[in-house]
PDB file of N, CA and C in Angstrom:
ATOM      1  N   MET A   1      17.125  14.849  -0.112  1.00  0.00           N
ATOM      2  CA  MET A   1      16.150  15.767   0.422  1.00  0.00           C
ATOM      3  C   MET A   1      15.790  15.334   1.834  1.00  0.00           C
ATOM      4  N   PHE A   2      15.669  16.315   2.698  1.00  0.00           N
ATOM      5  CA  PHE A   2      15.215  16.013   4.045  1.00  0.00           C
ATOM      6  C   PHE A   2      14.585  17.263   4.641  1.00  0.00           C
ATOM      7  N   ASP A   3      13.681  17.035   5.550  1.00  0.00           N
ATOM      8  CA  ASP A   3      13.019  18.140   6.230  1.00  0.00           C
ATOM      9  C   ASP A   3      13.990  18.767   7.212  1.00  0.00           C
ATOM     10  N   VAL A   4      14.018  20.086   7.226  1.00  0.00           N
ATOM     11  CA  VAL A   4      14.863  20.811   8.169  1.00  0.00           C
ATOM     12  C   VAL A   4      14.015  21.305   9.326  1.00  0.00           C
ATOM     13  N   MET A   5      12.867  21.860   9.006  1.00  0.00           N
ATOM     14  CA  MET A   5      11.992  22.428  10.031  1.00  0.00           C
ATOM     15  C   MET A   5      10.542  22.231   9.616  1.00  0.00           C
ATOM     16  N   TYR A   6       9.681  22.311  10.585  1.00  0.00           N
ATOM     17  CA  TYR A   6       8.259  22.367  10.298  1.00  0.00           C
ATOM     18  C   TYR A   6       7.595  23.162  11.405  1.00  0.00           C
ATOM     19  N   ALA A   7       6.389  23.663  11.123  1.00  0.00           N
ATOM     20  CA  ALA A   7       5.657  24.464  12.098  1.00  0.00           C
ATOM     21  C   ALA A   7       4.171  24.240  11.911  1.00  0.00           C
ATOM     22  N   ILE A   8       3.441  24.486  12.972  1.00  0.00           N
ATOM     23  CA  ILE A   8       1.981  24.480  12.909  1.00  0.00           C
ATOM     24  C   ILE A   8       1.555  25.937  12.903  1.00  0.00           C
ATOM     25  N   VAL A   9       0.853  26.324  11.850  1.00  0.00           N
ATOM     26  CA  VAL A   9       0.437  27.715  11.674  1.00  0.00           C
ATOM     27  C   VAL A   9      -1.053  27.770  11.381  1.00  0.00           C
ATOM     28  N   SER A  10      -1.596  28.981  11.351  1.00  0.00           N
ATOM     29  CA  SER A  10      -3.037  29.136  11.142  1.00  0.00           C
ATOM     30  C   SER A  10      -3.463  28.703   9.735  1.00  0.00           C
ATOM     31  N   SER A  11      -2.647  29.029   8.741  1.00  0.00           N
ATOM     32  CA  SER A  11      -2.934  28.623   7.364  1.00  0.00           C
ATOM     33  C   SER A  11      -1.702  28.888   6.507  1.00  0.00           C
ATOM     34  N   GLU A  12      -1.762  28.471   5.250  1.00  0.00           N
ATOM     35  CA  GLU A  12      -0.649  28.733   4.341  1.00  0.00           C
ATOM     36  C   GLU A  12      -0.873  30.096   3.687  1.00  0.00           C
ATOM     37  N   ASN A  13      -0.717  31.140   4.483  1.00  0.00           N
ATOM     38  CA  ASN A  13      -0.885  32.489   3.948  1.00  0.00           C
ATOM     39  C   ASN A  13       0.466  33.205   3.886  1.00  0.00           C
ATOM     40  N   ASN A  14       0.494  34.371   3.260  1.00  0.00           N
ATOM     41  CA  ASN A  14       1.745  35.123   3.079  1.00  0.00           C
ATOM     42  C   ASN A  14       2.441  35.398   4.405  1.00  0.00           C
ATOM     43  N   GLU A  15       1.693  35.882   5.376  1.00  0.00           N
ATOM     44  CA  GLU A  15       2.268  36.253   6.673  1.00  0.00           C
ATOM     45  C   GLU A  15       2.907  35.054   7.380  1.00  0.00           C
ATOM     46  N   ASP A  16       2.204  33.928   7.392  1.00  0.00           N
ATOM     47  CA  ASP A  16       2.746  32.743   8.062  1.00  0.00           C
ATOM     48  C   ASP A  16       3.973  32.197   7.347  1.00  0.00           C
ATOM     49  N   TRP A  17       3.979  32.238   6.002  1.00  0.00           N
ATOM     50  CA  TRP A  17       5.156  31.767   5.272  1.00  0.00           C
ATOM     51  C   TRP A  17       6.362  32.676   5.510  1.00  0.00           C
ATOM     52  N   VAL A  18       6.144  33.983   5.527  1.00  0.00           N
ATOM     53  CA  VAL A  18       7.254  34.900   5.807  1.00  0.00           C
ATOM     54  C   VAL A  18       7.794  34.641   7.204  1.00  0.00           C
ATOM     55  N   TRP A  19       6.911  34.463   8.173  1.00  0.00           N
ATOM     56  CA  TRP A  19       7.335  34.176   9.554  1.00  0.00           C
ATOM     57  C   TRP A  19       8.153  32.883   9.597  1.00  0.00           C
ATOM     58  N   PHE A  20       7.623  31.827   8.977  1.00  0.00           N
ATOM     59  CA  PHE A  20       8.296  30.537   8.997  1.00  0.00           C
ATOM     60  C   PHE A  20       9.670  30.615   8.323  1.00  0.00           C
ATOM     61  N   LEU A  21       9.722  31.186   7.130  1.00  0.00           N
ATOM     62  CA  LEU A  21      10.985  31.262   6.398  1.00  0.00           C
ATOM     63  C   LEU A  21      12.004  32.158   7.099  1.00  0.00           C
ATOM     64  N   THR A  22      11.542  33.190   7.773  1.00  0.00           N
ATOM     65  CA  THR A  22      12.445  34.041   8.554  1.00  0.00           C
ATOM     66  C   THR A  22      13.086  33.225   9.671  1.00  0.00           C
ATOM     67  N   ASN A  23      12.304  32.384  10.317  1.00  0.00           N
ATOM     68  CA  ASN A  23      12.845  31.504  11.365  1.00  0.00           C
ATOM     69  C   ASN A  23      13.815  30.476  10.788  1.00  0.00           C
ATOM     70  N   VAL A  24      13.509  29.950   9.619  1.00  0.00           N
ATOM     71  CA  VAL A  24      14.425  29.019   8.955  1.00  0.00           C
ATOM     72  C   VAL A  24      15.751  29.725   8.675  1.00  0.00           C
ATOM     73  N   ARG A  25      15.674  30.942   8.122  1.00  0.00           N
ATOM     74  CA  ARG A  25      16.895  31.695   7.807  1.00  0.00           C
ATOM     75  C   ARG A  25      17.746  31.915   9.051  1.00  0.00           C
ATOM     76  N   GLU A  26      17.107  32.271  10.169  1.00  0.00           N
ATOM     77  CA  GLU A  26      17.845  32.494  11.411  1.00  0.00           C
ATOM     78  C   GLU A  26      18.510  31.209  11.895  1.00  0.00           C
ATOM     79  N   CYS A  27      17.808  30.093  11.805  1.00  0.00           N
ATOM     80  CA  CYS A  27      18.358  28.811  12.262  1.00  0.00           C
ATOM     81  C   CYS A  27      19.511  28.332  11.386  1.00  0.00           C
ATOM     82  N   LEU A  28      19.504  28.694  10.118  1.00  0.00           N
ATOM     83  CA  LEU A  28      20.556  28.254   9.208  1.00  0.00           C
ATOM     84  C   LEU A  28      21.831  29.074   9.340  1.00  0.00           C
ATOM     85  N   GLY A  29      21.761  30.163  10.069  1.00  0.00           N
ATOM     86  CA  GLY A  29      22.960  30.939  10.355  1.00  0.00           C
ATOM     87  C   GLY A  29      23.728  31.411   9.135  1.00  0.00           C
ATOM     88  N   GLY A  30      23.036  31.882   8.133  1.00  0.00           N
ATOM     89  CA  GLY A  30      23.709  32.418   6.965  1.00  0.00           C
ATOM     90  C   GLY A  30      23.810  31.462   5.783  1.00  0.00           C
ATOM     91  N   MET A  31      23.579  30.167   6.010  1.00  0.00           N
ATOM     92  CA  MET A  31      23.590  29.230   4.876  1.00  0.00           C
ATOM     93  C   MET A  31      22.367  29.502   4.002  1.00  0.00           C
ATOM     94  N   GLN A  32      22.540  29.368   2.710  1.00  0.00           N
ATOM     95  CA  GLN A  32      21.449  29.621   1.767  1.00  0.00           C
ATOM     96  C   GLN A  32      20.819  28.291   1.374  1.00  0.00           C
ATOM     97  N   PRO A  33      19.561  28.045   1.723  1.00  0.00           N
ATOM     98  CA  PRO A  33      18.927  26.765   1.381  1.00  0.00           C
ATOM     99  C   PRO A  33      18.388  26.776  -0.046  1.00  0.00           C
ATOM    100  N   ILE A  34      18.087  25.609  -0.543  1.00  0.00           N
ATOM    101  CA  ILE A  34      17.298  25.459  -1.762  1.00  0.00           C
ATOM    102  C   ILE A  34      15.960  24.899  -1.306  1.00  0.00           C
ATOM    103  N   VAL A  35      14.906  25.624  -1.573  1.00  0.00           N
ATOM    104  CA  VAL A  35      13.565  25.217  -1.154  1.00  0.00           C
ATOM    105  C   VAL A  35      12.830  24.681  -2.374  1.00  0.00           C
ATOM    106  N   MET A  36      12.341  23.459  -2.260  1.00  0.00           N
ATOM    107  CA  MET A  36      11.571  22.831  -3.327  1.00  0.00           C
ATOM    108  C   MET A  36      10.110  22.829  -2.893  1.00  0.00           C
ATOM    109  N   SER A  37       9.244  23.350  -3.760  1.00  0.00           N
ATOM    110  CA  SER A  37       7.847  23.470  -3.349  1.00  0.00           C
ATOM    111  C   SER A  37       6.898  23.069  -4.466  1.00  0.00           C
ATOM    112  N   ASP A  38       5.611  23.161  -4.131  1.00  0.00           N
ATOM    113  CA  ASP A  38       4.541  22.825  -5.061  1.00  0.00           C
ATOM    114  C   ASP A  38       3.934  24.078  -5.697  1.00  0.00           C
ATOM    115  N   ARG A  39       4.630  25.197  -5.651  1.00  0.00           N
ATOM    116  CA  ARG A  39       4.194  26.475  -6.213  1.00  0.00           C
ATOM    117  C   ARG A  39       3.016  27.069  -5.446  1.00  0.00           C
ATOM    118  N   ASN A  40       2.931  26.828  -4.163  1.00  0.00           N
ATOM    119  CA  ASN A  40       1.921  27.459  -3.319  1.00  0.00           C
ATOM    120  C   ASN A  40       2.039  28.974  -3.474  1.00  0.00           C
ATOM    121  N   ASN A  41       0.927  29.655  -3.726  1.00  0.00           N
ATOM    122  CA  ASN A  41       0.953  31.092  -3.996  1.00  0.00           C
ATOM    123  C   ASN A  41       1.576  31.898  -2.864  1.00  0.00           C
ATOM    124  N   ALA A  42       1.252  31.568  -1.630  1.00  0.00           N
ATOM    125  CA  ALA A  42       1.809  32.307  -0.496  1.00  0.00           C
ATOM    126  C   ALA A  42       3.318  32.070  -0.387  1.00  0.00           C
ATOM    127  N   LEU A  43       3.768  30.863  -0.659  1.00  0.00           N
ATOM    128  CA  LEU A  43       5.199  30.579  -0.630  1.00  0.00           C
ATOM    129  C   LEU A  43       5.922  31.303  -1.766  1.00  0.00           C
ATOM    130  N   LEU A  44       5.292  31.366  -2.938  1.00  0.00           N
ATOM    131  CA  LEU A  44       5.868  32.116  -4.058  1.00  0.00           C
ATOM    132  C   LEU A  44       6.048  33.588  -3.696  1.00  0.00           C
ATOM    133  N   HIS A  45       5.155  34.099  -2.877  1.00  0.00           N
ATOM    134  CA  HIS A  45       5.241  35.489  -2.414  1.00  0.00           C
ATOM    135  C   HIS A  45       6.332  35.658  -1.349  1.00  0.00           C
ATOM    136  N   ALA A  46       6.439  34.707  -0.439  1.00  0.00           N
ATOM    137  CA  ALA A  46       7.329  34.845   0.722  1.00  0.00           C
ATOM    138  C   ALA A  46       8.799  34.558   0.395  1.00  0.00           C
ATOM    139  N   MET A  47       9.068  33.598  -0.473  1.00  0.00           N
ATOM    140  CA  MET A  47      10.463  33.213  -0.747  1.00  0.00           C
ATOM    141  C   MET A  47      11.345  34.387  -1.172  1.00  0.00           C
ATOM    142  N   PRO A  48      10.946  35.187  -2.152  1.00  0.00           N
ATOM    143  CA  PRO A  48      11.819  36.302  -2.554  1.00  0.00           C
ATOM    144  C   PRO A  48      12.034  37.326  -1.434  1.00  0.00           C
ATOM    145  N   LYS A  49      11.035  37.505  -0.579  1.00  0.00           N
ATOM    146  CA  LYS A  49      11.163  38.465   0.524  1.00  0.00           C
ATOM    147  C   LYS A  49      12.209  38.027   1.538  1.00  0.00           C
ATOM    148  N   VAL A  50      12.286  36.730   1.785  1.00  0.00           N
ATOM    149  CA  VAL A  50      13.166  36.230   2.839  1.00  0.00           C
ATOM    150  C   VAL A  50      14.517  35.775   2.296  1.00  0.00           C
ATOM    151  N   PHE A  51      14.524  35.033   1.192  1.00  0.00           N
ATOM    152  CA  PHE A  51      15.760  34.437   0.681  1.00  0.00           C
ATOM    153  C   PHE A  51      16.206  34.970  -0.682  1.00  0.00           C
ATOM    154  N   GLY A  52      15.398  35.754  -1.335  1.00  0.00           N
ATOM    155  CA  GLY A  52      15.715  36.177  -2.698  1.00  0.00           C
ATOM    156  C   GLY A  52      15.145  35.188  -3.695  1.00  0.00           C
ATOM    157  N   ILE A  53      15.436  35.414  -4.952  1.00  0.00           N
ATOM    158  CA  ILE A  53      14.796  34.606  -5.999  1.00  0.00           C
ATOM    159  C   ILE A  53      15.623  33.410  -6.462  1.00  0.00           C
ATOM    160  N   ASP A  54      16.855  33.298  -5.996  1.00  0.00           N
ATOM    161  CA  ASP A  54      17.754  32.274  -6.538  1.00  0.00           C
ATOM    162  C   ASP A  54      17.680  30.911  -5.859  1.00  0.00           C
ATOM    163  N   CYS A  55      16.931  30.777  -4.789  1.00  0.00           N
ATOM    164  CA  CYS A  55      17.000  29.511  -4.047  1.00  0.00           C
ATOM    165  C   CYS A  55      15.658  28.788  -3.971  1.00  0.00           C
ATOM    166  N   HIS A  56      14.773  29.028  -4.922  1.00  0.00           N
ATOM    167  CA  HIS A  56      13.473  28.377  -4.916  1.00  0.00           C
ATOM    168  C   HIS A  56      13.311  27.578  -6.204  1.00  0.00           C
ATOM    169  N   THR A  57      12.992  26.312  -6.058  1.00  0.00           N
ATOM    170  CA  THR A  57      12.759  25.448  -7.201  1.00  0.00           C
ATOM    171  C   THR A  57      11.430  24.727  -7.004  1.00  0.00           C
ATOM    172  N   TYR A  58      10.936  24.113  -8.048  1.00  0.00           N
ATOM    173  CA  TYR A  58       9.620  23.484  -7.985  1.00  0.00           C
ATOM    174  C   TYR A  58       9.734  21.969  -8.074  1.00  0.00           C
ATOM    175  N   CYS A  59       8.905  21.302  -7.351  1.00  0.00           N
ATOM    176  CA  CYS A  59       8.875  19.850  -7.319  1.00  0.00           C
ATOM    177  C   CYS A  59       8.288  19.325  -8.640  1.00  0.00           C
ATOM    178  N   VAL A  60       9.053  18.512  -9.345  1.00  0.00           N
ATOM    179  CA  VAL A  60       8.619  18.003 -10.644  1.00  0.00           C
ATOM    180  C   VAL A  60       7.348  17.167 -10.507  1.00  0.00           C
ATOM    181  N   ARG A  61       7.219  16.429  -9.433  1.00  0.00           N
ATOM    182  CA  ARG A  61       6.003  15.617  -9.243  1.00  0.00           C
ATOM    183  C   ARG A  61       4.771  16.506  -9.205  1.00  0.00           C
ATOM    184  N   HIS A  62       4.836  17.617  -8.467  1.00  0.00           N
ATOM    185  CA  HIS A  62       3.702  18.527  -8.397  1.00  0.00           C
ATOM    186  C   HIS A  62       3.440  19.207  -9.739  1.00  0.00           C
ATOM    187  N   ILE A  63       4.500  19.609 -10.413  1.00  0.00           N
ATOM    188  CA  ILE A  63       4.336  20.237 -11.720  1.00  0.00           C
ATOM    189  C   ILE A  63       3.696  19.249 -12.696  1.00  0.00           C
ATOM    190  N   ARG A  64       4.147  17.993 -12.666  1.00  0.00           N
ATOM    191  CA  ARG A  64       3.594  16.967 -13.558  1.00  0.00           C
ATOM    192  C   ARG A  64       2.106  16.755 -13.278  1.00  0.00           C
ATOM    193  N   GLU A  65       1.720  16.687 -11.992  1.00  0.00           N
ATOM    194  CA  GLU A  65       0.313  16.517 -11.645  1.00  0.00           C
ATOM    195  C   GLU A  65      -0.509  17.713 -12.105  1.00  0.00           C
ATOM    196  N   ASN A  66       0.008  18.919 -11.883  1.00  0.00           N
ATOM    197  CA  ASN A  66      -0.701  20.128 -12.316  1.00  0.00           C
ATOM    198  C   ASN A  66      -0.790  20.179 -13.841  1.00  0.00           C
ATOM    199  N   PHE A  67       0.260  19.739 -14.515  1.00  0.00           N
ATOM    200  CA  PHE A  67       0.290  19.700 -15.969  1.00  0.00           C
ATOM    201  C   PHE A  67      -0.806  18.778 -16.492  1.00  0.00           C
ATOM    202  N   ALA A  68      -0.920  17.597 -15.905  1.00  0.00           N
ATOM    203  CA  ALA A  68      -1.949  16.637 -16.332  1.00  0.00           C
ATOM    204  C   ALA A  68      -3.345  17.176 -16.040  1.00  0.00           C
ATOM    205  N   LYS A  69      -3.497  17.839 -14.902  1.00  0.00           N
ATOM    206  CA  LYS A  69      -4.794  18.424 -14.551  1.00  0.00           C
ATOM    207  C   LYS A  69      -5.172  19.512 -15.562  1.00  0.00           C
ATOM    208  N   ALA A  70      -4.209  20.348 -15.920  1.00  0.00           N
ATOM    209  CA  ALA A  70      -4.446  21.403 -16.907  1.00  0.00           C
ATOM    210  C   ALA A  70      -4.764  20.791 -18.268  1.00  0.00           C
ATOM    211  N   ALA A  71      -4.093  19.701 -18.623  1.00  0.00           N
ATOM    212  CA  ALA A  71      -4.363  19.034 -19.900  1.00  0.00           C
ATOM    213  C   ALA A  71      -5.816  18.577 -19.960  1.00  0.00           C
ATOM    214  N   GLY A  72      -6.341  18.089 -18.831  1.00  0.00           N
ATOM    215  CA  GLY A  72      -7.746  17.682 -18.768  1.00  0.00           C
ATOM    216  C   GLY A  72      -8.688  18.835 -19.038  1.00  0.00           C
ATOM    217  N   LYS A  73      -8.339  20.018 -18.577  1.00  0.00           N
ATOM    218  CA  LYS A  73      -9.163  21.205 -18.804  1.00  0.00           C
ATOM    219  C   LYS A  73      -9.191  21.598 -20.280  1.00  0.00           C
ATOM    220  N   TYR A  74      -8.132  21.229 -21.012  1.00  0.00           N
ATOM    221  CA  TYR A  74      -8.058  21.541 -22.436  1.00  0.00           C
ATOM    222  C   TYR A  74      -8.562  20.405 -23.309  1.00  0.00           C
ATOM    223  N   GLY A  75      -9.194  19.422 -22.702  1.00  0.00           N
ATOM    224  CA  GLY A  75      -9.818  18.369 -23.474  1.00  0.00           C
ATOM    225  C   GLY A  75      -9.009  17.091 -23.609  1.00  0.00           C
ATOM    226  N   TYR A  76      -7.828  17.018 -23.007  1.00  0.00           N
ATOM    227  CA  TYR A  76      -7.013  15.803 -23.069  1.00  0.00           C
ATOM    228  C   TYR A  76      -7.429  14.903 -21.914  1.00  0.00           C
ATOM    229  N   ARG A  77      -8.523  14.213 -22.078  1.00  0.00           N
ATOM    230  CA  ARG A  77      -9.108  13.490 -20.963  1.00  0.00           C
ATOM    231  C   ARG A  77      -8.727  12.012 -20.913  1.00  0.00           C
ATOM    232  N   LYS A  78      -8.305  11.447 -21.990  1.00  0.00           N
ATOM    233  CA  LYS A  78      -7.954  10.029 -21.999  1.00  0.00           C
ATOM    234  C   LYS A  78      -6.704   9.817 -21.152  1.00  0.00           C
ATOM    235  N   GLU A  79      -6.725   8.787 -20.328  1.00  0.00           N
ATOM    236  CA  GLU A  79      -5.577   8.501 -19.458  1.00  0.00           C
ATOM    237  C   GLU A  79      -4.306   8.248 -20.256  1.00  0.00           C
ATOM    238  N   ALA A  80      -4.437   7.572 -21.401  1.00  0.00           N
ATOM    239  CA  ALA A  80      -3.249   7.304 -22.217  1.00  0.00           C
ATOM    240  C   ALA A  80      -2.616   8.615 -22.678  1.00  0.00           C
ATOM    241  N   THR A  81      -3.431   9.592 -23.052  1.00  0.00           N
ATOM    242  CA  THR A  81      -2.915  10.891 -23.486  1.00  0.00           C
ATOM    243  C   THR A  81      -2.264  11.610 -22.318  1.00  0.00           C
ATOM    244  N   LYS A  82      -2.914  11.600 -21.159  1.00  0.00           N
ATOM    245  CA  LYS A  82      -2.340  12.236 -19.971  1.00  0.00           C
ATOM    246  C   LYS A  82      -1.019  11.584 -19.588  1.00  0.00           C
ATOM    247  N   ASP A  83      -0.961  10.254 -19.664  1.00  0.00           N
ATOM    248  CA  ASP A  83       0.284   9.546 -19.342  1.00  0.00           C
ATOM    249  C   ASP A  83       1.396   9.927 -20.318  1.00  0.00           C
ATOM    250  N   LEU A  84       1.053  10.063 -21.586  1.00  0.00           N
ATOM    251  CA  LEU A  84       2.040  10.468 -22.581  1.00  0.00           C
ATOM    252  C   LEU A  84       2.535  11.885 -22.293  1.00  0.00           C
ATOM    253  N   LEU A  85       1.628  12.795 -21.938  1.00  0.00           N
ATOM    254  CA  LEU A  85       2.019  14.157 -21.597  1.00  0.00           C
ATOM    255  C   LEU A  85       2.944  14.179 -20.384  1.00  0.00           C
ATOM    256  N   LYS A  86       2.626  13.374 -19.378  1.00  0.00           N
ATOM    257  CA  LYS A  86       3.480  13.300 -18.189  1.00  0.00           C
ATOM    258  C   LYS A  86       4.870  12.789 -18.550  1.00  0.00           C
ATOM    259  N   GLU A  87       4.928  11.779 -19.409  1.00  0.00           N
ATOM    260  CA  GLU A  87       6.219  11.229 -19.822  1.00  0.00           C
ATOM    261  C   GLU A  87       7.023  12.261 -20.596  1.00  0.00           C
ATOM    262  N   MET A  88       6.370  13.015 -21.460  1.00  0.00           N
ATOM    263  CA  MET A  88       7.078  14.055 -22.214  1.00  0.00           C
ATOM    264  C   MET A  88       7.588  15.143 -21.272  1.00  0.00           C
ATOM    265  N   LEU A  89       6.800  15.515 -20.289  1.00  0.00           N
ATOM    266  CA  LEU A  89       7.243  16.503 -19.309  1.00  0.00           C
ATOM    267  C   LEU A  89       8.442  15.974 -18.530  1.00  0.00           C
ATOM    268  N   ASN A  90       8.421  14.693 -18.166  1.00  0.00           N
ATOM    269  CA  ASN A  90       9.573  14.086 -17.481  1.00  0.00           C
ATOM    270  C   ASN A  90      10.836  14.188 -18.330  1.00  0.00           C
ATOM    271  N   ARG A  91      10.705  13.950 -19.634  1.00  0.00           N
ATOM    272  CA  ARG A  91      11.872  14.033 -20.515  1.00  0.00           C
ATOM    273  C   ARG A  91      12.447  15.450 -20.531  1.00  0.00           C
ATOM    274  N   VAL A  92      11.585  16.453 -20.499  1.00  0.00           N
ATOM    275  CA  VAL A  92      12.054  17.840 -20.449  1.00  0.00           C
ATOM    276  C   VAL A  92      12.714  18.110 -19.104  1.00  0.00           C
ATOM    277  N   ALA A  93      12.050  17.720 -18.025  1.00  0.00           N
ATOM    278  CA  ALA A  93      12.535  18.029 -16.674  1.00  0.00           C
ATOM    279  C   ALA A  93      13.845  17.333 -16.343  1.00  0.00           C
ATOM    280  N   TYR A  94      14.031  16.122 -16.836  1.00  0.00           N
ATOM    281  CA  TYR A  94      15.216  15.348 -16.474  1.00  0.00           C
ATOM    282  C   TYR A  94      16.266  15.284 -17.592  1.00  0.00           C
ATOM    283  N   ALA A  95      16.147  16.157 -18.578  1.00  0.00           N
ATOM    284  CA  ALA A  95      17.128  16.170 -19.662  1.00  0.00           C
ATOM    285  C   ALA A  95      18.515  16.440 -19.079  1.00  0.00           C
ATOM    286  N   ALA A  96      19.466  15.603 -19.467  1.00  0.00           N
ATOM    287  CA  ALA A  96      20.819  15.704 -18.920  1.00  0.00           C
ATOM    288  C   ALA A  96      21.714  16.637 -19.728  1.00  0.00           C
ATOM    289  N   SER A  97      21.246  17.058 -20.885  1.00  0.00           N
ATOM    290  CA  SER A  97      22.051  17.952 -21.709  1.00  0.00           C
ATOM    291  C   SER A  97      21.125  18.905 -22.456  1.00  0.00           C
ATOM    292  N   GLU A  98      21.713  19.925 -23.020  1.00  0.00           N
ATOM    293  CA  GLU A  98      20.943  20.884 -23.800  1.00  0.00           C
ATOM    294  C   GLU A  98      20.324  20.213 -25.022  1.00  0.00           C
ATOM    295  N   VAL A  99      21.052  19.265 -25.600  1.00  0.00           N
ATOM    296  CA  VAL A  99      20.548  18.535 -26.769  1.00  0.00           C
ATOM    297  C   VAL A  99      19.312  17.716 -26.387  1.00  0.00           C
ATOM    298  N   GLU A 100      19.391  16.972 -25.276  1.00  0.00           N
ATOM    299  CA  GLU A 100      18.241  16.174 -24.818  1.00  0.00           C
ATOM    300  C   GLU A 100      17.047  17.079 -24.520  1.00  0.00           C
ATOM    301  N   TYR A 101      17.310  18.225 -23.898  1.00  0.00           N
ATOM    302  CA  TYR A 101      16.236  19.182 -23.586  1.00  0.00           C
ATOM    303  C   TYR A 101      15.576  19.661 -24.882  1.00  0.00           C
ATOM    304  N   GLY A 102      16.388  20.016 -25.873  1.00  0.00           N
ATOM    305  CA  GLY A 102      15.849  20.480 -27.154  1.00  0.00           C
ATOM    306  C   GLY A 102      15.007  19.423 -27.837  1.00  0.00           C
ATOM    307  N   LEU A 103      15.471  18.182 -27.825  1.00  0.00           N
ATOM    308  CA  LEU A 103      14.714  17.087 -28.437  1.00  0.00           C
ATOM    309  C   LEU A 103      13.387  16.863 -27.710  1.00  0.00           C
ATOM    310  N   ALA A 104      13.414  16.903 -26.388  1.00  0.00           N
ATOM    311  CA  ALA A 104      12.196  16.706 -25.603  1.00  0.00           C
ATOM    312  C   ALA A 104      11.192  17.831 -25.862  1.00  0.00           C
ATOM    313  N   MET A 105      11.679  19.068 -25.930  1.00  0.00           N
ATOM    314  CA  MET A 105      10.785  20.197 -26.207  1.00  0.00           C
ATOM    315  C   MET A 105      10.212  20.093 -27.620  1.00  0.00           C
ATOM    316  N   ASP A 106      11.026  19.680 -28.583  1.00  0.00           N
ATOM    317  CA  ASP A 106      10.537  19.488 -29.952  1.00  0.00           C
ATOM    318  C   ASP A 106       9.419  18.456 -29.993  1.00  0.00           C
ATOM    319  N   GLN A 107       9.586  17.367 -29.224  1.00  0.00           N
ATOM    320  CA  GLN A 107       8.557  16.325 -29.178  1.00  0.00           C
ATOM    321  C   GLN A 107       7.258  16.884 -28.597  1.00  0.00           C
ATOM    322  N   MET A 108       7.366  17.701 -27.547  1.00  0.00           N
ATOM    323  CA  MET A 108       6.156  18.294 -26.961  1.00  0.00           C
ATOM    324  C   MET A 108       5.474  19.236 -27.952  1.00  0.00           C
ATOM    325  N   ARG A 109       6.250  20.047 -28.649  1.00  0.00           N
ATOM    326  CA  ARG A 109       5.673  20.979 -29.636  1.00  0.00           C
ATOM    327  C   ARG A 109       4.972  20.205 -30.761  1.00  0.00           C
ATOM    328  N   LYS A 110       5.603  19.144 -31.229  1.00  0.00           N
ATOM    329  CA  LYS A 110       5.019  18.327 -32.295  1.00  0.00           C
ATOM    330  C   LYS A 110       3.703  17.716 -31.830  1.00  0.00           C
ATOM    331  N   PHE A 111       3.685  17.176 -30.622  1.00  0.00           N
ATOM    332  CA  PHE A 111       2.473  16.572 -30.067  1.00  0.00           C
ATOM    333  C   PHE A 111       1.358  17.615 -29.983  1.00  0.00           C
ATOM    334  N   ARG A 112       1.715  18.802 -29.548  1.00  0.00           N
ATOM    335  CA  ARG A 112       0.733  19.889 -29.410  1.00  0.00           C
ATOM    336  C   ARG A 112       0.151  20.256 -30.781  1.00  0.00           C
ATOM    337  N   ARG A 113       1.002  20.357 -31.800  1.00  0.00           N
ATOM    338  CA  ARG A 113       0.525  20.694 -33.141  1.00  0.00           C
ATOM    339  C   ARG A 113      -0.402  19.589 -33.670  1.00  0.00           C
ATOM    340  N   GLU A 114      -0.056  18.334 -33.420  1.00  0.00           N
ATOM    341  CA  GLU A 114      -0.880  17.214 -33.885  1.00  0.00           C
ATOM    342  C   GLU A 114      -2.246  17.226 -33.241  1.00  0.00           C
ATOM    343  N   LEU A 115      -2.304  17.576 -31.970  1.00  0.00           N
ATOM    344  CA  LEU A 115      -3.594  17.608 -31.279  1.00  0.00           C
ATOM    345  C   LEU A 115      -4.447  18.795 -31.722  1.00  0.00           C
ATOM    346  N   ALA A 116      -3.799  19.845 -32.191  1.00  0.00           N
ATOM    347  CA  ALA A 116      -4.526  21.042 -32.611  1.00  0.00           C
ATOM    348  C   ALA A 116      -5.222  20.835 -33.949  1.00  0.00           C
ATOM    349  N   VAL A 117      -4.794  19.823 -34.715  1.00  0.00           N
ATOM    350  CA  VAL A 117      -5.361  19.590 -36.049  1.00  0.00           C
ATOM    351  C   VAL A 117      -6.737  18.984 -35.967  1.00  0.00           C
TER     352      VAL A 117
END
């Protein structure tokens, strides 16, 4: 991963992201980038307009942090529980095969059912 471009803009709004991504597209001369982001709402809006829907992915670190934050809102406040949730999410995100992915998802579902009791 490396930075290709950056800009100073008024804010992270839809208009500025469309402007920025349009400039990125022009500079790349037809190459299709893969953009990894933190799911910023304005970027989620701008990416399909400029590049289509196939070249946007999400940063696992940001998803993991948001996942832990959301877990806190649902009452999972103990750090040990949050750490376990983050580890389970990592197993899903980094599964190297369909079998590993299925096992990781099963573990998350089981954990969720246990906490619901």
